[in-house]
Protein backbone atom coordinates (compact mmCIF):
# COMPACT_ATOMS: atom_id res chain seq x y z
CA MET A 1 225.78 212.36 68.65
CA ASN A 2 225.29 208.99 70.33
CA TYR A 3 224.68 209.20 74.08
CA VAL A 4 225.42 206.38 76.53
CA LEU A 5 224.59 206.37 80.25
CA PHE A 6 227.21 204.50 82.28
CA ASP A 7 227.31 202.88 85.71
CA GLU A 8 230.27 203.63 87.97
CA SER A 9 231.42 202.52 91.41
CA ARG A 10 228.48 203.96 93.33
CA ARG A 11 226.21 201.40 91.65
CA LYS A 12 227.00 198.97 94.48
CA ASN A 13 225.89 201.54 97.07
CA LEU A 14 222.51 201.57 95.31
CA LEU A 15 221.92 197.83 95.62
CA PRO A 16 219.45 196.10 95.91
CA LEU A 17 217.74 198.64 93.62
CA THR A 18 220.39 198.13 90.92
CA PHE A 19 220.41 194.32 90.89
CA MET A 20 217.75 194.40 88.16
CA ARG A 21 218.57 197.68 86.38
CA PRO A 22 221.30 200.19 85.59
CA VAL A 23 221.52 203.23 87.86
CA ALA A 24 219.98 205.43 85.16
CA ASP A 25 216.73 203.45 85.30
CA ILE A 26 216.06 204.38 88.92
CA ARG A 27 212.90 206.48 89.23
CA PHE A 28 213.75 209.73 90.97
CA GLY A 29 211.19 212.50 90.94
CA ILE A 30 208.56 212.03 88.23
CA LEU A 31 210.88 210.40 85.69
CA THR A 32 213.69 207.89 85.71
CA ILE A 33 217.16 209.40 85.37
CA ARG A 34 217.30 208.00 81.82
CA GLU A 35 213.99 209.63 80.93
CA LYS A 36 215.30 212.96 82.23
CA TRP A 37 218.37 212.77 79.97
CA GLU A 38 216.34 211.72 76.93
CA LEU A 39 213.96 214.62 77.52
CA HIS A 40 216.85 217.11 77.69
CA LEU A 41 218.86 215.57 74.85
CA LYS A 42 215.80 214.87 72.68
CA THR A 43 217.18 211.46 71.73
CA LYS A 44 217.30 207.88 72.99
CA THR A 45 220.23 206.62 75.07
CA SER A 46 221.82 203.23 75.65
CA THR A 47 223.72 201.82 78.61
CA LEU A 48 227.22 200.78 79.67
CA THR A 49 226.63 198.53 82.66
CA GLU A 50 227.34 195.12 84.21
CA ASN A 51 227.65 192.21 81.76
CA TYR A 52 224.65 190.35 83.14
CA LEU A 53 222.42 193.42 82.65
CA ALA A 54 223.64 194.10 79.13
CA GLU A 55 221.25 191.66 77.43
CA LYS A 56 218.24 193.69 78.63
CA PHE A 57 220.04 197.05 78.55
CA PRO A 58 222.41 196.81 75.55
CA LEU A 59 225.19 199.20 74.67
CA ILE A 60 224.96 200.98 71.31
CA LYS A 61 228.27 202.41 70.02
CA GLU A 62 228.75 204.84 67.16
CA LYS A 63 231.84 206.49 65.68
CA THR A 64 231.47 209.36 68.13
CA ASN A 65 229.88 208.97 71.54
CA ILE A 66 229.34 210.86 74.74
CA ILE A 67 229.06 208.71 77.83
CA ILE A 68 227.25 210.26 80.80
CA ASN A 69 227.27 209.25 84.45
CA GLY A 70 223.92 207.53 85.08
CA ALA A 71 223.70 208.77 88.68
CA ILE A 72 223.70 212.44 87.60
CA CYS A 73 220.54 214.35 86.70
CA PRO A 74 220.59 216.81 83.81
CA ASN A 75 219.90 220.51 83.76
CA ASP A 76 220.20 223.01 80.92
CA GLU A 77 223.65 224.29 81.96
CA LEU A 78 225.11 220.81 82.36
CA VAL A 79 223.66 219.59 79.05
CA ALA A 80 225.15 222.62 77.25
CA GLU A 81 228.63 221.84 78.63
CA ILE A 82 228.36 218.14 77.78
CA LYS A 83 227.36 218.88 74.20
CA GLN A 84 230.55 220.93 73.76
CA LEU A 85 232.86 218.05 74.72
CA GLU A 86 235.42 217.07 72.11
CA PRO A 87 236.85 213.54 71.70
CA GLY A 88 239.24 212.67 74.51
CA HIS A 89 237.78 215.29 76.85
CA ALA A 90 236.03 214.51 80.14
CA LEU A 91 233.80 216.80 82.17
CA ILE A 92 234.49 216.34 85.86
CA LYS A 93 233.41 217.76 89.19
CA GLY A 94 235.80 216.99 92.01
CA ASP A 95 236.62 213.30 91.76
CA THR A 96 233.51 212.46 89.74
CA ILE A 97 233.45 212.00 85.97
CA LEU A 98 230.19 213.50 84.76
CA ALA A 99 230.65 212.82 81.04
CA MET A 100 233.28 211.91 78.47
CA ALA A 101 233.49 212.11 74.69
CA MET A 102 234.74 208.86 73.16
CA SER A 103 235.29 207.21 69.82
CA GLU A 104 234.05 203.69 69.16
CA GLU A 105 237.60 202.39 69.60
CA ASP A 106 237.90 204.02 73.02
CA PHE A 107 235.45 201.47 74.45
CA LYS A 108 238.07 198.76 73.86
CA VAL A 109 240.86 200.63 75.64
CA GLN A 110 240.89 200.67 79.43
CA SER A 111 243.41 203.43 80.15
CA ASN A 112 243.19 206.11 77.49
CA ALA A 113 244.48 209.45 78.74
CA VAL A 114 241.79 212.13 78.74
CA GLN A 115 241.86 215.86 79.16
CA GLU A 116 239.81 216.78 82.21
CA ILE A 117 237.60 219.84 82.20
CA GLU A 118 236.35 220.97 85.61
CA THR A 119 232.79 222.28 85.82
CA ASN A 120 231.21 224.39 88.52
CA VAL A 121 227.64 223.56 87.45
CA ASP A 122 225.54 222.24 90.32
CA CYS A 123 223.57 219.11 89.53
CA LEU A 124 221.27 216.75 91.38
CA GLU A 125 222.72 213.27 91.89
CA ILE A 126 222.30 210.13 93.96
CA PHE A 127 225.09 208.39 95.87
CA ASN A 128 223.16 206.05 98.19
CA THR A 129 219.75 204.43 98.39
CA TRP A 130 218.49 206.94 100.93
CA ASP A 131 219.28 209.85 98.60
CA ILE A 132 216.37 208.72 96.44
CA PHE A 133 213.75 209.65 99.02
CA ALA A 134 215.79 212.38 100.77
CA LYS A 135 216.17 214.37 97.52
CA ASN A 136 212.92 213.31 95.88
CA SER A 137 211.04 216.55 96.58
CA VAL A 138 213.69 218.52 94.68
CA ALA A 139 213.65 215.95 91.85
CA ILE A 140 209.86 216.20 91.55
CA GLU A 141 210.01 219.99 91.38
CA ASP A 142 212.75 219.91 88.71
CA ASP A 143 210.87 217.37 86.58
CA PHE A 144 207.59 219.25 87.00
CA LYS A 145 209.11 222.44 85.57
CA LYS A 146 210.60 220.60 82.59
CA ILE A 147 207.57 218.43 81.78
CA THR A 148 204.94 221.14 82.10
CA ALA A 149 206.80 224.05 80.47
CA ASN A 150 204.61 225.78 77.86
CA ARG A 151 201.84 223.20 78.32
CA VAL A 152 198.29 223.50 79.64
CA SER A 153 196.95 221.12 82.27
CA ALA A 154 193.70 219.25 81.87
CA PRO A 155 191.07 220.98 84.03
CA ILE A 156 190.81 220.19 87.73
CA PRO A 157 187.36 218.60 88.25
CA SER A 158 184.90 220.85 90.07
CA HIS A 159 184.22 218.18 92.70
CA CYS A 160 187.89 218.26 93.81
CA ILE A 161 189.30 220.74 96.32
CA ALA A 162 192.47 222.37 95.00
CA PHE A 163 194.90 224.69 96.77
CA ALA A 164 197.45 226.55 94.60
CA PRO A 165 195.96 225.14 91.37
CA GLU A 166 198.72 226.84 89.37
CA ASN A 167 201.07 224.20 90.83
CA ILE A 168 198.88 221.27 89.73
CA PHE A 169 199.24 219.57 86.37
CA ILE A 170 196.89 216.84 85.17
CA GLU A 171 197.61 214.85 82.01
CA GLU A 172 194.85 213.90 79.58
CA GLY A 173 192.95 210.75 80.53
CA ALA A 174 193.54 211.08 84.27
CA GLN A 175 190.44 210.64 86.42
CA LEU A 176 190.00 212.41 89.75
CA PHE A 177 187.04 211.89 92.06
CA ALA A 178 186.40 214.23 95.03
CA ALA A 179 190.04 214.41 96.05
CA THR A 180 191.92 217.13 97.94
CA LEU A 181 194.98 218.50 96.14
CA ASN A 182 197.17 220.83 98.22
CA ALA A 183 200.01 222.21 96.12
CA THR A 184 200.92 225.07 98.44
CA THR A 185 203.94 223.08 99.65
CA GLY A 186 205.04 221.84 96.22
CA PRO A 187 203.73 220.81 92.81
CA ILE A 188 201.35 217.93 92.18
CA TYR A 189 201.68 215.99 88.93
CA ILE A 190 198.98 213.53 87.83
CA GLY A 191 200.05 211.35 84.89
CA LYS A 192 198.17 210.05 81.88
CA ASP A 193 195.26 207.69 82.69
CA ALA A 194 196.00 207.82 86.43
CA ILE A 195 193.06 207.37 88.79
CA ILE A 196 192.69 209.35 92.03
CA MET A 197 189.76 207.84 93.90
CA GLU A 198 187.33 209.70 96.13
CA GLY A 199 188.46 210.88 99.54
CA SER A 200 192.17 210.89 98.64
CA ASN A 201 194.32 213.65 100.12
CA LEU A 202 197.50 214.70 98.28
CA ARG A 203 199.93 217.26 99.65
CA GLY A 204 202.76 218.26 97.30
CA PRO A 205 205.33 217.78 96.04
CA ILE A 206 203.68 214.61 94.69
CA ALA A 207 204.07 212.62 91.46
CA ILE A 208 201.38 210.16 90.43
CA CYS A 209 202.73 208.62 87.23
CA ASP A 210 200.94 207.24 84.17
CA HIS A 211 198.28 204.57 84.83
CA ALA A 212 198.84 204.66 88.61
CA THR A 213 195.93 204.37 91.04
CA VAL A 214 195.45 206.14 94.37
CA LYS A 215 192.74 204.29 96.28
CA MET A 216 189.91 205.69 98.38
CA GLY A 217 190.87 207.66 101.44
CA ALA A 218 194.61 207.53 100.80
CA LYS A 219 196.83 210.11 102.51
CA LEU A 220 199.93 211.07 100.50
CA TYR A 221 202.46 213.52 101.85
CA GLY A 222 205.22 215.48 100.15
CA GLY A 223 208.21 213.93 98.48
CA THR A 224 206.21 210.91 97.29
CA THR A 225 206.32 209.35 93.83
CA VAL A 226 203.88 206.63 92.78
CA GLY A 227 205.37 205.03 89.68
CA PRO A 228 203.55 203.86 86.54
CA HIS A 229 200.89 201.17 86.96
CA SER A 230 201.29 201.13 90.76
CA LYS A 231 198.39 201.09 93.23
CA VAL A 232 198.58 202.78 96.60
CA GLY A 233 196.36 203.25 99.64
CA GLY A 234 196.73 204.10 103.31
CA GLU A 235 199.36 206.63 104.40
CA ILE A 236 202.56 207.35 102.45
CA ASN A 237 205.17 209.97 103.30
CA ASN A 238 208.30 210.93 101.31
CA SER A 239 208.60 207.57 99.52
CA VAL A 240 209.37 206.46 95.98
CA ILE A 241 207.64 203.52 94.31
CA PHE A 242 209.32 202.72 91.00
CA GLY A 243 206.41 201.13 89.11
CA TYR A 244 204.15 198.08 88.79
CA SER A 245 204.16 197.73 92.59
CA ASN A 246 201.25 197.73 95.00
CA LYS A 247 200.72 199.10 98.46
CA ALA A 248 197.01 199.00 97.93
CA HIS A 249 195.70 198.87 101.50
CA ASP A 250 195.91 200.66 104.84
CA GLY A 251 199.25 200.86 106.60
CA PHE A 252 202.12 203.36 106.74
CA LEU A 253 205.05 203.67 104.33
CA GLY A 254 207.53 206.42 105.15
CA HIS A 255 210.94 207.53 103.85
CA SER A 256 211.20 204.40 101.76
CA VAL A 257 212.03 203.17 98.25
CA ILE A 258 210.12 200.28 96.69
CA ALA A 259 211.37 198.83 93.39
CA GLU A 260 209.20 197.23 90.67
CA TRP A 261 206.82 194.28 90.92
CA CYS A 262 206.56 194.38 94.72
CA ASN A 263 203.43 193.82 96.77
CA LEU A 264 202.91 194.99 100.35
CA GLY A 265 200.14 193.07 102.11
CA ALA A 266 197.27 194.78 103.91
CA ASP A 267 198.30 196.73 107.01
CA THR A 268 202.01 196.49 106.26
CA ASN A 269 203.77 199.18 108.29
CA THR A 270 207.25 200.66 108.20
CA SER A 271 208.94 202.45 111.07
CA ASN A 272 210.84 205.46 109.76
CA LEU A 273 211.98 206.99 113.07
CA LYS A 274 213.87 205.41 115.97
CA ASN A 275 212.28 205.99 119.37
CA THR A 276 215.67 207.33 120.49
CA TYR A 277 215.55 209.92 117.66
CA ASP A 278 219.08 208.87 116.61
CA SER A 279 220.17 208.89 112.98
CA VAL A 280 219.54 205.59 111.20
CA LYS A 281 222.06 203.01 110.04
CA LEU A 282 221.28 201.03 106.89
CA TRP A 283 222.72 197.89 105.29
CA ASN A 284 225.28 198.71 102.61
CA TYR A 285 226.39 196.16 100.00
CA THR A 286 229.75 197.83 99.43
CA ASP A 287 230.84 197.61 103.07
CA GLU A 288 228.72 194.52 103.83
CA THR A 289 227.64 196.06 107.10
CA PHE A 290 225.31 198.73 108.43
CA VAL A 291 226.49 202.27 107.66
CA GLU A 292 225.54 205.69 108.96
CA THR A 293 222.99 207.49 106.79
CA ASN A 294 222.91 210.76 108.76
CA GLN A 295 219.16 210.58 108.26
CA GLN A 296 216.82 210.80 111.24
CA PHE A 297 214.01 209.42 109.07
CA CYS A 298 214.65 206.22 107.10
CA GLY A 299 212.21 203.39 106.49
CA LEU A 300 212.38 200.52 103.99
CA ILE A 301 214.50 199.86 100.89
CA MET A 302 212.95 196.96 98.94
CA GLY A 303 214.31 195.25 95.81
CA ASP A 304 212.29 194.09 92.81
CA HIS A 305 209.74 191.25 92.95
CA THR A 306 209.63 191.13 96.76
CA LYS A 307 206.35 190.46 98.57
CA CYS A 308 205.22 190.68 102.17
CA GLY A 309 202.14 189.28 103.89
CA ILE A 310 199.42 191.06 105.83
CA ASN A 311 200.38 192.90 109.01
CA THR A 312 204.10 192.77 108.21
CA MET A 313 206.17 195.16 110.34
CA PHE A 314 209.44 196.58 109.06
CA ASN A 315 211.79 198.19 111.55
CA THR A 316 213.51 201.54 111.06
CA GLY A 317 216.17 201.30 108.36
CA THR A 318 215.40 197.92 106.77
CA VAL A 319 216.86 196.63 103.48
CA VAL A 320 215.22 193.73 101.64
CA GLY A 321 216.71 192.22 98.49
CA VAL A 322 215.20 190.91 95.27
CA SER A 323 212.41 188.32 95.17
CA ALA A 324 212.06 187.75 98.90
CA ASN A 325 208.78 186.55 100.40
CA ILE A 326 208.24 187.81 103.95
CA PHE A 327 205.48 187.07 106.45
CA GLY A 328 204.75 186.53 110.12
CA ALA A 329 204.19 188.56 113.29
CA GLY A 330 206.76 190.83 114.89
CA PHE A 331 209.42 193.19 113.55
CA GLN A 332 211.45 191.73 110.72
CA ARG A 333 215.25 191.79 110.78
CA ASN A 334 216.93 194.90 109.33
CA PHE A 335 218.59 193.11 106.41
CA ILE A 336 216.86 190.35 104.45
CA SER A 337 218.77 189.00 101.49
CA SER A 338 217.42 188.21 98.03
CA PHE A 339 215.47 184.99 97.46
CA LYS A 340 214.57 184.46 101.12
CA TRP A 341 211.25 182.92 102.24
CA GLY A 342 210.03 183.37 105.80
CA GLY A 343 210.12 185.90 108.61
CA VAL A 344 210.79 186.34 112.31
CA ALA A 345 210.49 182.59 112.91
CA GLY A 346 213.25 181.89 110.40
CA PHE A 347 214.10 181.89 106.70
CA GLN A 348 214.78 179.38 103.98
CA THR A 349 215.94 179.88 100.40
CA PHE A 350 213.18 180.87 98.00
CA ASN A 351 213.44 178.52 95.02
CA PRO A 352 214.28 180.65 91.94
CA ALA A 353 212.07 178.46 89.73
CA LYS A 354 209.11 179.31 91.97
CA ALA A 355 210.09 182.98 91.98
CA ILE A 356 210.13 182.97 88.17
CA GLU A 357 206.72 181.28 88.10
CA ILE A 358 205.28 184.00 90.35
CA ALA A 359 206.88 186.74 88.24
CA LYS A 360 205.32 185.26 85.10
CA GLY A 361 201.93 185.38 86.80
CA MET A 362 202.35 189.02 87.82
CA TYR A 363 203.42 190.02 84.31
CA LYS A 364 200.47 188.16 82.80
CA ARG A 365 198.04 190.12 85.01
CA ARG A 366 199.40 193.30 83.38
CA ASN A 367 199.30 191.79 79.85
CA LEU A 368 203.09 191.58 79.75
CA GLU A 369 205.46 188.67 79.17
CA PHE A 370 208.18 187.62 81.58
CA ASN A 371 210.38 186.49 78.71
CA GLU A 372 213.65 184.57 78.46
CA ILE A 373 215.70 187.74 78.95
CA GLU A 374 213.87 188.47 82.20
CA ILE A 375 214.29 184.85 83.32
CA ARG A 376 218.04 184.92 82.74
CA LEU A 377 218.29 188.24 84.54
CA MET A 378 216.54 186.84 87.61
CA GLU A 379 218.67 183.69 87.51
CA ASN A 380 221.81 185.84 87.40
CA VAL A 381 220.68 187.86 90.41
CA TYR A 382 220.02 184.60 92.28
CA SER A 383 223.61 183.52 91.62
CA LEU A 384 225.09 186.92 92.46
CA THR A 385 223.33 187.05 95.83
CA HIS A 386 224.30 183.55 97.00
CA ASN A 387 226.77 184.69 99.67
CA TYR A 388 224.34 187.16 101.19
CA ARG A 389 221.84 184.37 101.88
CA ARG A 390 224.34 182.90 104.32
CA MET A 391 224.15 186.00 106.51
């Protein structure tokens, strides 16, 4: 069977994190949603998404296909029901289509009638940007069980202090130096070739993904994911860093989501709690205004390729788009559009050619190529976000 992960209407609620990727490629827990499905299905998937994303994330169609909602996380019960779908049948829960069996011809037809099958299987899913950190502890625990089942962890070094070692899993090649690992409050996963430097304190549930680095003296609290090839230091609480991003120095990051290829300057701090203790409102691209999150704790949502200078302060409930460059003293505004350059003193448009040049340099440092596909993707996002830069 050919499996396709599709984007639906909630994709816009997940902007700016979905400007550069389909919903399924959001990191949530230890893995991306796509990686979760491929682990359960034991096969590769493709994507049905926006036209401008399709060059990087192409759709593969076969004679028979099952398309799966990319905002839904798999579990054994749900996968079993999806695998039983027959052509023309859709698995639904309430108003949400979870999956549908389709022929190759069905992709060309917009209004084919389908037979709906209601499921009562509970599944983890994301609707809004803040769900990613709010539900991340559960996602880490689910991934931990699946990834580590019937496997043996590499040994915990004797110079580390470990609480509840049965809830700690270390992949081969990871290096840990005199760190404290407290898994009494949730599992701790250390990925392949990750480095946990001396004096670091980790309190689960925590995911440190492949090739990530936790710097000396870092303090990481539960619900935190440090994505592949990312570097973190200072204090982090209940935050998700997708990958290839750096918060390498002191400063606080709380209840936040940071996409790929971002860099937070030394002593960058996020406020994640209003001093009135009210629930936080956050910019929403669907409504083009600030909406109620019903979250008392909510920090920073940052799109791909965005950078901020030293001592940057982000207010409670801030959204920053793709490829912004932010600096200057004082609290930044709560919504900063993509391709903006500046700060409290004012903004100007960040030239996309310069943004592409910087991205090429970042890729080169990681022995990767920012190729023509990536360039066109960034140029498309620049065009798509034009109206927001007027705000």
